[in-house]
């Protein structure tokens, strides 16, 4: 099946009512294009119109965000050339998370590390596309560089995958998009309770991102709010926030406005001290942002 052209983001982001804390970091965005230079993987789940890093930087400025973490888009499969080029050009505004091929070398990881990549991402096969499955071998390789692992689970998989994730040697295991737990099940469901137990391990983190991945509801995704508030109360020291721009794979659904998504933070994290921690302090530590980059040319 040929990749599907994903719906573009709202081109007119609102200025949010919420003023983000100075130095706030968006920990989950994708960027694409120009398509003429960076072809999509024919086995990918989707393709995208250009969503350029310059457009994303303008969005950061509109939303009151200082930096963002670019997660290599699934549309490119395990080819991270686009990510590397973006990081080399915009070292002051981005760090990176790479989808790595099985044959990646230690020298190549060292090069990506110099460019600002700080993690590798694995994706449950249940999501489809040409993305890398969990690989303990690659996780161990990148752990030598201080990288953490990001994992995109599928629905209630956390119940079975939790013990496997804790066996990885990386300093942190970051679960994307509320661990993809269906919000309709509420905070008492076994999958969410399993997530809380994993947080208690001290090594597992969660991205407060992509609420539309956890529910088919219309914005503002009310069923996700109890999950967000429970996580914030339980382990604010191991949470980060992400916008998930440009919101791929939302065809036939309402495209959220990014200003409205920022305003959800006020409901999810009502305490200003916790917002400072989750939006500034935690991501700077997790993605090693305080350390200057030594660019490879």
C-alpha atoms as a PDB file:
ATOM      1  CA  UNK A   1       0.000   0.000   0.000  1.00  0.00           C
ATOM      2  CA  UNK A   2       1.352   3.409  -0.987  1.00  0.00           C
ATOM      3  CA  UNK A   3       1.979   5.965   1.792  1.00  0.00           C
ATOM      4  CA  UNK A   4      -0.914   8.350   2.478  1.00  0.00           C
ATOM      5  CA  UNK A   5      -0.465  12.115   2.248  1.00  0.00           C
ATOM      6  CA  UNK A   6      -1.031  13.336   5.794  1.00  0.00           C
ATOM      7  CA  UNK A   7      -3.208  16.349   6.555  1.00  0.00           C
ATOM      8  CA  UNK A   8      -1.098  19.503   7.087  1.00  0.00           C
ATOM      9  CA  UNK A   9      -1.061  21.405  10.389  1.00  0.00           C
ATOM     10  CA  UNK A  10      -3.210  24.472  10.991  1.00  0.00           C
ATOM     11  CA  UNK A  11      -1.322  27.240   9.143  1.00  0.00           C
ATOM     12  CA  UNK A  12      -2.563  29.949  11.540  1.00  0.00           C
ATOM     13  CA  UNK A  13      -1.421  29.043  15.061  1.00  0.00           C
ATOM     14  CA  UNK A  14      -2.934  31.200  17.767  1.00  0.00           C
ATOM     15  CA  UNK A  15      -0.843  33.028  20.314  1.00  0.00           C
ATOM     16  CA  UNK A  16      -1.637  31.005  23.438  1.00  0.00           C
ATOM     17  CA  UNK A  17      -3.179  32.592  26.505  1.00  0.00           C
ATOM     18  CA  UNK A  18      -0.697  30.655  28.644  1.00  0.00           C
ATOM     19  CA  UNK A  19       2.725  32.249  28.882  1.00  0.00           C
ATOM     20  CA  UNK A  20       5.268  29.437  28.827  1.00  0.00           C
ATOM     21  CA  UNK A  21       8.116  29.673  31.336  1.00  0.00           C
ATOM     22  CA  UNK A  22      11.280  31.217  29.871  1.00  0.00           C
ATOM     23  CA  UNK A  23      13.450  28.574  28.251  1.00  0.00           C
ATOM     24  CA  UNK A  24      10.551  26.173  27.617  1.00  0.00           C
ATOM     25  CA  UNK A  25      11.331  23.249  25.322  1.00  0.00           C
ATOM     26  CA  UNK A  26       8.963  21.339  23.047  1.00  0.00           C
ATOM     27  CA  UNK A  27      10.176  17.737  23.315  1.00  0.00           C
ATOM     28  CA  UNK A  28       8.372  16.180  20.349  1.00  0.00           C
ATOM     29  CA  UNK A  29       8.158  17.667  16.862  1.00  0.00           C
ATOM     30  CA  UNK A  30       8.770  16.370  13.349  1.00  0.00           C
ATOM     31  CA  UNK A  31      10.035  18.355  10.356  1.00  0.00           C
ATOM     32  CA  UNK A  32       9.924  17.438   6.666  1.00  0.00           C
ATOM     33  CA  UNK A  33      11.277  18.647   3.369  1.00  0.00           C
ATOM     34  CA  UNK A  34      12.015  19.997   0.956  1.00  0.00           C
ATOM     35  CA  UNK A  35      10.611  16.827  -0.596  1.00  0.00           C
ATOM     36  CA  UNK A  36      12.739  17.330  -3.701  1.00  0.00           C
ATOM     37  CA  UNK A  37      15.873  16.801  -1.588  1.00  0.00           C
ATOM     38  CA  UNK A  38      14.664  14.317   1.030  1.00  0.00           C
ATOM     39  CA  UNK A  39      12.520  11.513  -0.451  1.00  0.00           C
ATOM     40  CA  UNK A  40      10.138   9.555   1.734  1.00  0.00           C
ATOM     41  CA  UNK A  41      10.493   5.845   2.420  1.00  0.00           C
ATOM     42  CA  UNK A  42       8.167   3.912   0.058  1.00  0.00           C
ATOM     43  CA  UNK A  43       7.276   1.593   2.942  1.00  0.00           C
ATOM     44  CA  UNK A  44       6.270   4.430   5.255  1.00  0.00           C
ATOM     45  CA  UNK A  45       2.765   4.793   6.632  1.00  0.00           C
ATOM     46  CA  UNK A  46       2.506   8.390   5.420  1.00  0.00           C
ATOM     47  CA  UNK A  47       4.152  11.164   3.451  1.00  0.00           C
ATOM     48  CA  UNK A  48       3.921  14.855   4.259  1.00  0.00           C
ATOM     49  CA  UNK A  49       3.935  18.187   2.525  1.00  0.00           C
ATOM     50  CA  UNK A  50       6.916  20.291   3.524  1.00  0.00           C
ATOM     51  CA  UNK A  51       6.925  21.153   7.231  1.00  0.00           C
ATOM     52  CA  UNK A  52      10.224  22.975   7.266  1.00  0.00           C
ATOM     53  CA  UNK A  53      12.461  23.633  10.253  1.00  0.00           C
ATOM     54  CA  UNK A  54      12.146  27.368   9.558  1.00  0.00           C
ATOM     55  CA  UNK A  55       8.360  27.031   9.886  1.00  0.00           C
ATOM     56  CA  UNK A  56       8.781  25.169  13.145  1.00  0.00           C
ATOM     57  CA  UNK A  57      11.131  27.837  14.509  1.00  0.00           C
ATOM     58  CA  UNK A  58       8.538  30.506  13.671  1.00  0.00           C
ATOM     59  CA  UNK A  59       5.978  28.388  15.534  1.00  0.00           C
ATOM     60  CA  UNK A  60       8.299  28.191  18.551  1.00  0.00           C
ATOM     61  CA  UNK A  61       8.461  31.981  18.565  1.00  0.00           C
ATOM     62  CA  UNK A  62       4.673  32.294  18.326  1.00  0.00           C
ATOM     63  CA  UNK A  63       4.104  29.813  21.169  1.00  0.00           C
ATOM     64  CA  UNK A  64       6.800  31.171  23.487  1.00  0.00           C
ATOM     65  CA  UNK A  65       9.081  28.127  23.119  1.00  0.00           C
ATOM     66  CA  UNK A  66      12.882  28.419  23.102  1.00  0.00           C
ATOM     67  CA  UNK A  67      13.887  25.102  21.517  1.00  0.00           C
ATOM     68  CA  UNK A  68      12.423  21.841  20.261  1.00  0.00           C
ATOM     69  CA  UNK A  69      13.458  18.222  19.993  1.00  0.00           C
ATOM     70  CA  UNK A  70      13.120  16.894  16.449  1.00  0.00           C
ATOM     71  CA  UNK A  71      12.104  13.250  16.368  1.00  0.00           C
ATOM     72  CA  UNK A  72      13.084  11.858  12.980  1.00  0.00           C
ATOM     73  CA  UNK A  73       9.830  11.453  11.076  1.00  0.00           C
ATOM     74  CA  UNK A  74       8.459   7.982  10.415  1.00  0.00           C
ATOM     75  CA  UNK A  75       7.907   9.054   6.817  1.00  0.00           C
ATOM     76  CA  UNK A  76      11.671   8.782   6.326  1.00  0.00           C
ATOM     77  CA  UNK A  77      11.854   5.299   7.817  1.00  0.00           C
ATOM     78  CA  UNK A  78      15.310   4.662   9.273  1.00  0.00           C
ATOM     79  CA  UNK A  79      17.037   7.247   7.082  1.00  0.00           C
ATOM     80  CA  UNK A  80      18.128  10.081   9.417  1.00  0.00           C
ATOM     81  CA  UNK A  81      19.921  12.240   6.810  1.00  0.00           C
ATOM     82  CA  UNK A  82      17.230  14.902   7.047  1.00  0.00           C
ATOM     83  CA  UNK A  83      17.508  15.043  10.836  1.00  0.00           C
ATOM     84  CA  UNK A  84      21.297  15.346  10.699  1.00  0.00           C
ATOM     85  CA  UNK A  85      21.119  18.206   8.197  1.00  0.00           C
ATOM     86  CA  UNK A  86      18.512  20.064  10.277  1.00  0.00           C
ATOM     87  CA  UNK A  87      20.623  19.778  13.419  1.00  0.00           C
ATOM     88  CA  UNK A  88      23.756  20.952  11.645  1.00  0.00           C
ATOM     89  CA  UNK A  89      21.972  24.038  10.314  1.00  0.00           C
ATOM     90  CA  UNK A  90      19.955  24.937  13.418  1.00  0.00           C
ATOM     91  CA  UNK A  91      22.076  23.849  16.381  1.00  0.00           C
ATOM     92  CA  UNK A  92      20.741  26.682  18.546  1.00  0.00           C
ATOM     93  CA  UNK A  93      17.073  25.672  18.199  1.00  0.00           C
ATOM     94  CA  UNK A  94      16.965  21.865  18.014  1.00  0.00           C
ATOM     95  CA  UNK A  95      18.186  18.622  19.521  1.00  0.00           C
ATOM     96  CA  UNK A  96      17.404  15.279  17.907  1.00  0.00           C
ATOM     97  CA  UNK A  97      16.027  11.765  18.325  1.00  0.00           C
ATOM     98  CA  UNK A  98      17.043   9.345  15.567  1.00  0.00           C
ATOM     99  CA  UNK A  99      15.424   6.244  14.097  1.00  0.00           C
ATOM    100  CA  UNK A 100      18.503   4.132  13.506  1.00  0.00           C
ATOM    101  CA  UNK A 101      19.087   1.283  11.047  1.00  0.00           C
ATOM    102  CA  UNK A 102      20.265  -2.060  12.404  1.00  0.00           C
ATOM    103  CA  UNK A 103      23.673  -1.632  10.745  1.00  0.00           C
ATOM    104  CA  UNK A 104      24.484   1.748  12.346  1.00  0.00           C
ATOM    105  CA  UNK A 105      28.111   2.023  13.450  1.00  0.00           C
ATOM    106  CA  UNK A 106      29.692   3.383  16.577  1.00  0.00           C
ATOM    107  CA  UNK A 107      31.467   6.076  14.564  1.00  0.00           C
ATOM    108  CA  UNK A 108      28.185   7.201  13.054  1.00  0.00           C
ATOM    109  CA  UNK A 109      26.556   7.446  16.467  1.00  0.00           C
ATOM    110  CA  UNK A 110      29.518   9.561  17.587  1.00  0.00           C
ATOM    111  CA  UNK A 111      28.907  11.902  14.627  1.00  0.00           C
ATOM    112  CA  UNK A 112      25.209  12.181  15.428  1.00  0.00           C
ATOM    113  CA  UNK A 113      26.060  12.840  19.053  1.00  0.00           C
ATOM    114  CA  UNK A 114      28.225  15.791  18.020  1.00  0.00           C
ATOM    115  CA  UNK A 115      25.315  17.133  15.964  1.00  0.00           C
ATOM    116  CA  UNK A 116      22.965  17.048  18.953  1.00  0.00           C
ATOM    117  CA  UNK A 117      21.169  13.695  18.751  1.00  0.00           C
ATOM    118  CA  UNK A 118      20.455  12.556  22.296  1.00  0.00           C
ATOM    119  CA  UNK A 119      18.247   9.468  21.911  1.00  0.00           C
ATOM    120  CA  UNK A 120      17.096   6.730  19.597  1.00  0.00           C
ATOM    121  CA  UNK A 121      13.452   5.864  19.048  1.00  0.00           C
ATOM    122  CA  UNK A 122      11.789   2.484  18.674  1.00  0.00           C
ATOM    123  CA  UNK A 123       8.187   1.976  17.605  1.00  0.00           C
ATOM    124  CA  UNK A 124       5.770  -0.860  18.239  1.00  0.00           C
ATOM    125  CA  UNK A 125       5.151  -2.929  15.118  1.00  0.00           C
ATOM    126  CA  UNK A 126       1.439  -2.460  15.756  1.00  0.00           C
ATOM    127  CA  UNK A 127       1.743   1.149  14.521  1.00  0.00           C
ATOM    128  CA  UNK A 128       2.839  -0.034  11.060  1.00  0.00           C
ATOM    129  CA  UNK A 129       5.181   1.723   8.653  1.00  0.00           C
ATOM    130  CA  UNK A 130       8.932   1.389   8.192  1.00  0.00           C
ATOM    131  CA  UNK A 131      10.031   2.259  11.721  1.00  0.00           C
ATOM    132  CA  UNK A 132      12.520   0.387  13.918  1.00  0.00           C
ATOM    133  CA  UNK A 133      11.290  -2.212  16.423  1.00  0.00           C
ATOM    134  CA  UNK A 134      12.778  -2.394  19.883  1.00  0.00           C
ATOM    135  CA  UNK A 135      16.430  -3.451  19.635  1.00  0.00           C
ATOM    136  CA  UNK A 136      18.360  -4.168  22.851  1.00  0.00           C
ATOM    137  CA  UNK A 137      21.560  -4.204  20.773  1.00  0.00           C
ATOM    138  CA  UNK A 138      21.106  -0.661  19.458  1.00  0.00           C
ATOM    139  CA  UNK A 139      19.933   0.497  22.882  1.00  0.00           C
ATOM    140  CA  UNK A 140      23.158  -0.820  24.402  1.00  0.00           C
ATOM    141  CA  UNK A 141      25.265   0.810  21.683  1.00  0.00           C
ATOM    142  CA  UNK A 142      23.786   4.272  22.186  1.00  0.00           C
ATOM    143  CA  UNK A 143      23.871   3.925  25.979  1.00  0.00           C
ATOM    144  CA  UNK A 144      27.667   4.259  25.741  1.00  0.00           C
ATOM    145  CA  UNK A 145      27.090   7.819  24.510  1.00  0.00           C
ATOM    146  CA  UNK A 146      24.654   8.681  27.293  1.00  0.00           C
ATOM    147  CA  UNK A 147      21.640   8.496  24.998  1.00  0.00           C
ATOM    148  CA  UNK A 148      18.265   7.457  26.295  1.00  0.00           C
ATOM    149  CA  UNK A 149      15.640   5.347  24.518  1.00  0.00           C
ATOM    150  CA  UNK A 150      12.262   6.654  23.370  1.00  0.00           C
ATOM    151  CA  UNK A 151       9.563   4.097  22.735  1.00  0.00           C
ATOM    152  CA  UNK A 152       6.149   4.459  21.138  1.00  0.00           C
ATOM    153  CA  UNK A 153       3.979   1.723  22.579  1.00  0.00           C
ATOM    154  CA  UNK A 154       0.586   0.687  21.218  1.00  0.00           C
ATOM    155  CA  UNK A 155      -2.481   0.949  23.450  1.00  0.00           C
ATOM    156  CA  UNK A 156      -2.121  -1.441  26.411  1.00  0.00           C
ATOM    157  CA  UNK A 157       1.224  -2.986  25.391  1.00  0.00           C
ATOM    158  CA  UNK A 158       2.869  -1.400  28.406  1.00  0.00           C
ATOM    159  CA  UNK A 159       1.578  -4.251  30.572  1.00  0.00           C
ATOM    160  CA  UNK A 160       3.731  -6.762  28.695  1.00  0.00           C
ATOM    161  CA  UNK A 161       6.601  -4.503  27.587  1.00  0.00           C
ATOM    162  CA  UNK A 162       7.364  -2.851  30.922  1.00  0.00           C
ATOM    163  CA  UNK A 163       9.764  -5.530  32.239  1.00  0.00           C
ATOM    164  CA  UNK A 164      11.583  -5.668  28.885  1.00  0.00           C
ATOM    165  CA  UNK A 165      12.096  -1.908  28.862  1.00  0.00           C
ATOM    166  CA  UNK A 166      13.572  -1.947  32.345  1.00  0.00           C
ATOM    167  CA  UNK A 167      16.207  -4.459  31.194  1.00  0.00           C
ATOM    168  CA  UNK A 168      17.677  -1.907  28.785  1.00  0.00           C
ATOM    169  CA  UNK A 169      20.935  -0.318  30.009  1.00  0.00           C
ATOM    170  CA  UNK A 170      20.049   3.267  29.090  1.00  0.00           C
ATOM    171  CA  UNK A 171      19.855   5.940  31.746  1.00  0.00           C
ATOM    172  CA  UNK A 172      16.252   6.729  30.837  1.00  0.00           C
ATOM    173  CA  UNK A 173      13.361   5.135  28.962  1.00  0.00           C
ATOM    174  CA  UNK A 174      10.953   7.765  27.614  1.00  0.00           C
ATOM    175  CA  UNK A 175       7.437   6.717  26.603  1.00  0.00           C
ATOM    176  CA  UNK A 176       5.858   8.831  23.882  1.00  0.00           C
ATOM    177  CA  UNK A 177       2.348  10.265  23.919  1.00  0.00           C
ATOM    178  CA  UNK A 178       1.139   9.183  27.376  1.00  0.00           C
ATOM    179  CA  UNK A 179       2.475   5.689  26.556  1.00  0.00           C
ATOM    180  CA  UNK A 180      -0.399   5.579  24.003  1.00  0.00           C
ATOM    181  CA  UNK A 181      -2.738   4.309  26.728  1.00  0.00           C
ATOM    182  CA  UNK A 182      -6.401   4.650  25.678  1.00  0.00           C
ATOM    183  CA  UNK A 183      -7.788   7.575  27.677  1.00  0.00           C
ATOM    184  CA  UNK A 184     -11.280   6.090  27.645  1.00  0.00           C
ATOM    185  CA  UNK A 185     -10.113   3.450  30.118  1.00  0.00           C
ATOM    186  CA  UNK A 186      -9.403   6.062  32.766  1.00  0.00           C
ATOM    187  CA  UNK A 187      -6.663   6.185  35.363  1.00  0.00           C
ATOM    188  CA  UNK A 188      -7.817   2.994  37.074  1.00  0.00           C
ATOM    189  CA  UNK A 189      -7.241   0.737  34.067  1.00  0.00           C
ATOM    190  CA  UNK A 190      -4.466  -1.869  34.355  1.00  0.00           C
ATOM    191  CA  UNK A 191      -2.317  -0.237  31.655  1.00  0.00           C
ATOM    192  CA  UNK A 192      -2.265   3.133  33.397  1.00  0.00           C
ATOM    193  CA  UNK A 193      -1.544   1.548  36.751  1.00  0.00           C
ATOM    194  CA  UNK A 194       1.328  -0.337  35.101  1.00  0.00           C
ATOM    195  CA  UNK A 195       2.651   3.000  33.853  1.00  0.00           C
ATOM    196  CA  UNK A 196       2.611   4.454  37.373  1.00  0.00           C
ATOM    197  CA  UNK A 197       4.575   1.457  38.633  1.00  0.00           C
ATOM    198  CA  UNK A 198       7.151   1.925  35.874  1.00  0.00           C
ATOM    199  CA  UNK A 199       7.526   5.564  36.850  1.00  0.00           C
ATOM    200  CA  UNK A 200       8.306   4.406  40.367  1.00  0.00           C
ATOM    201  CA  UNK A 201      11.360   2.591  38.984  1.00  0.00           C
ATOM    202  CA  UNK A 202      13.090   5.965  38.666  1.00  0.00           C
ATOM    203  CA  UNK A 203      14.194   5.282  35.073  1.00  0.00           C
ATOM    204  CA  UNK A 204      10.986   5.654  33.083  1.00  0.00           C
ATOM    205  CA  UNK A 205       9.790   9.022  31.787  1.00  0.00           C
ATOM    206  CA  UNK A 206       6.578  10.030  29.990  1.00  0.00           C
ATOM    207  CA  UNK A 207       5.922  12.644  27.336  1.00  0.00           C
ATOM    208  CA  UNK A 208       2.793  14.696  27.938  1.00  0.00           C
ATOM    209  CA  UNK A 209       2.261  14.892  24.194  1.00  0.00           C
ATOM    210  CA  UNK A 210      -0.083  13.803  21.450  1.00  0.00           C
ATOM    211  CA  UNK A 211      -3.385  13.629  23.368  1.00  0.00           C
ATOM    212  CA  UNK A 212      -5.059  12.910  20.035  1.00  0.00           C
ATOM    213  CA  UNK A 213      -3.117   9.624  19.938  1.00  0.00           C
ATOM    214  CA  UNK A 214      -4.930   8.410  23.064  1.00  0.00           C
ATOM    215  CA  UNK A 215      -8.490   9.270  22.099  1.00  0.00           C
ATOM    216  CA  UNK A 216     -10.731   9.785  19.072  1.00  0.00           C
ATOM    217  CA  UNK A 217     -12.376  12.744  20.820  1.00  0.00           C
ATOM    218  CA  UNK A 218     -12.426  16.222  19.393  1.00  0.00           C
ATOM    219  CA  UNK A 219     -10.097  18.833  20.902  1.00  0.00           C
ATOM    220  CA  UNK A 220      -9.542  19.573  23.806  1.00  0.00           C
ATOM    221  CA  UNK A 221      -9.417  15.800  24.411  1.00  0.00           C
ATOM    222  CA  UNK A 222     -11.091  15.998  27.824  1.00  0.00           C
ATOM    223  CA  UNK A 223     -10.558  12.330  28.684  1.00  0.00           C
ATOM    224  CA  UNK A 224      -6.772  12.823  28.595  1.00  0.00           C
ATOM    225  CA  UNK A 225      -6.773  15.506  31.314  1.00  0.00           C
ATOM    226  CA  UNK A 226      -7.172  13.086  34.264  1.00  0.00           C
ATOM    227  CA  UNK A 227      -4.215  11.064  32.971  1.00  0.00           C
ATOM    228  CA  UNK A 228      -2.084  14.194  32.668  1.00  0.00           C
ATOM    229  CA  UNK A 229      -2.977  15.465  36.132  1.00  0.00           C
ATOM    230  CA  UNK A 230      -2.342  12.066  37.723  1.00  0.00           C
ATOM    231  CA  UNK A 231       1.094  11.798  36.085  1.00  0.00           C
ATOM    232  CA  UNK A 232       1.991  15.340  37.165  1.00  0.00           C
ATOM    233  CA  UNK A 233       1.018  14.555  40.743  1.00  0.00           C
ATOM    234  CA  UNK A 234       2.839  11.206  40.697  1.00  0.00           C
ATOM    235  CA  UNK A 235       6.231  11.942  39.120  1.00  0.00           C
ATOM    236  CA  UNK A 236       6.728  15.535  37.898  1.00  0.00           C
ATOM    237  CA  UNK A 237      10.498  14.972  37.916  1.00  0.00           C
ATOM    238  CA  UNK A 238      10.250  12.526  34.999  1.00  0.00           C
ATOM    239  CA  UNK A 239       7.805  14.234  32.657  1.00  0.00           C
ATOM    240  CA  UNK A 240       8.368  16.398  29.596  1.00  0.00           C
ATOM    241  CA  UNK A 241       5.912  18.109  27.241  1.00  0.00           C
ATOM    242  CA  UNK A 242       5.649  17.965  23.457  1.00  0.00           C
ATOM    243  CA  UNK A 243       3.363  19.514  20.848  1.00  0.00           C
ATOM    244  CA  UNK A 244       3.672  16.650  18.308  1.00  0.00           C
ATOM    245  CA  UNK A 245       3.674  19.229  15.469  1.00  0.00           C
ATOM    246  CA  UNK A 246       2.812  18.860  12.570  1.00  0.00           C
ATOM    247  CA  UNK A 247       0.392  16.200  13.858  1.00  0.00           C
ATOM    248  CA  UNK A 248       0.761  13.526  11.193  1.00  0.00           C
ATOM    249  CA  UNK A 249      -1.799  10.780  10.592  1.00  0.00           C
ATOM    250  CA  UNK A 250      -4.833  12.852  11.561  1.00  0.00           C
ATOM    251  CA  UNK A 251      -6.626  12.480   8.247  1.00  0.00           C
ATOM    252  CA  UNK A 252     -10.420  12.635   8.590  1.00  0.00           C
ATOM    253  CA  UNK A 253     -10.041  14.205  12.032  1.00  0.00           C
ATOM    254  CA  UNK A 254     -10.045  17.774  13.327  1.00  0.00           C
ATOM    255  CA  UNK A 255      -6.585  19.314  13.137  1.00  0.00           C
ATOM    256  CA  UNK A 256      -5.831  21.040  16.464  1.00  0.00           C
ATOM    257  CA  UNK A 257      -4.503  24.570  16.616  1.00  0.00           C
ATOM    258  CA  UNK A 258      -1.101  24.659  18.268  1.00  0.00           C
ATOM    259  CA  UNK A 259      -1.973  27.664  20.402  1.00  0.00           C
ATOM    260  CA  UNK A 260      -4.885  25.700  21.832  1.00  0.00           C
ATOM    261  CA  UNK A 261      -2.588  22.750  22.546  1.00  0.00           C
ATOM    262  CA  UNK A 262      -0.280  24.997  24.571  1.00  0.00           C
ATOM    263  CA  UNK A 263      -3.279  26.281  26.500  1.00  0.00           C
ATOM    264  CA  UNK A 264      -4.082  22.690  27.506  1.00  0.00           C
ATOM    265  CA  UNK A 265      -0.924  22.829  29.637  1.00  0.00           C
ATOM    266  CA  UNK A 266      -2.716  25.125  32.082  1.00  0.00           C
ATOM    267  CA  UNK A 267      -5.249  22.343  32.733  1.00  0.00           C
ATOM    268  CA  UNK A 268      -2.711  19.526  32.725  1.00  0.00           C
ATOM    269  CA  UNK A 269      -0.093  21.306  34.869  1.00  0.00           C
ATOM    270  CA  UNK A 270      -1.905  24.023  36.848  1.00  0.00           C
ATOM    271  CA  UNK A 271       1.033  24.674  39.208  1.00  0.00           C
ATOM    272  CA  UNK A 272       3.633  27.124  37.868  1.00  0.00           C
ATOM    273  CA  UNK A 273       6.504  25.424  39.719  1.00  0.00           C
ATOM    274  CA  UNK A 274       5.620  22.090  38.121  1.00  0.00           C
ATOM    275  CA  UNK A 275       5.361  23.762  34.698  1.00  0.00           C
ATOM    276  CA  UNK A 276       8.871  25.158  35.115  1.00  0.00           C
ATOM    277  CA  UNK A 277      10.120  21.698  35.985  1.00  0.00           C
ATOM    278  CA  UNK A 278       8.351  19.827  33.175  1.00  0.00           C
ATOM    279  CA  UNK A 279       8.846  22.386  30.402  1.00  0.00           C
ATOM    280  CA  UNK A 280      12.332  23.709  31.214  1.00  0.00           C
ATOM    281  CA  UNK A 281      14.371  21.853  33.820  1.00  0.00           C
ATOM    282  CA  UNK A 282      13.515  18.254  32.932  1.00  0.00           C
ATOM    283  CA  UNK A 283      14.089  18.524  29.165  1.00  0.00           C
ATOM    284  CA  UNK A 284      17.349  20.382  29.617  1.00  0.00           C
ATOM    285  CA  UNK A 285      18.640  17.523  31.742  1.00  0.00           C
ATOM    286  CA  UNK A 286      17.137  14.729  29.632  1.00  0.00           C
ATOM    287  CA  UNK A 287      18.446  16.067  26.303  1.00  0.00           C
ATOM    288  CA  UNK A 288      21.712  17.404  27.733  1.00  0.00           C
ATOM    289  CA  UNK A 289      20.928  20.848  26.389  1.00  0.00           C
ATOM    290  CA  UNK A 290      23.217  22.774  28.734  1.00  0.00           C
ATOM    291  CA  UNK A 291      26.295  21.156  27.152  1.00  0.00           C
ATOM    292  CA  UNK A 292      27.595  23.061  24.096  1.00  0.00           C
ATOM    293  CA  UNK A 293      27.777  21.185  20.814  1.00  0.00           C
ATOM    294  CA  UNK A 294      31.009  20.500  19.009  1.00  0.00           C
ATOM    295  CA  UNK A 295      29.908  20.495  15.419  1.00  0.00           C
ATOM    296  CA  UNK A 296      31.413  18.062  12.912  1.00  0.00           C
ATOM    297  CA  UNK A 297      32.307  19.590   9.545  1.00  0.00           C
END
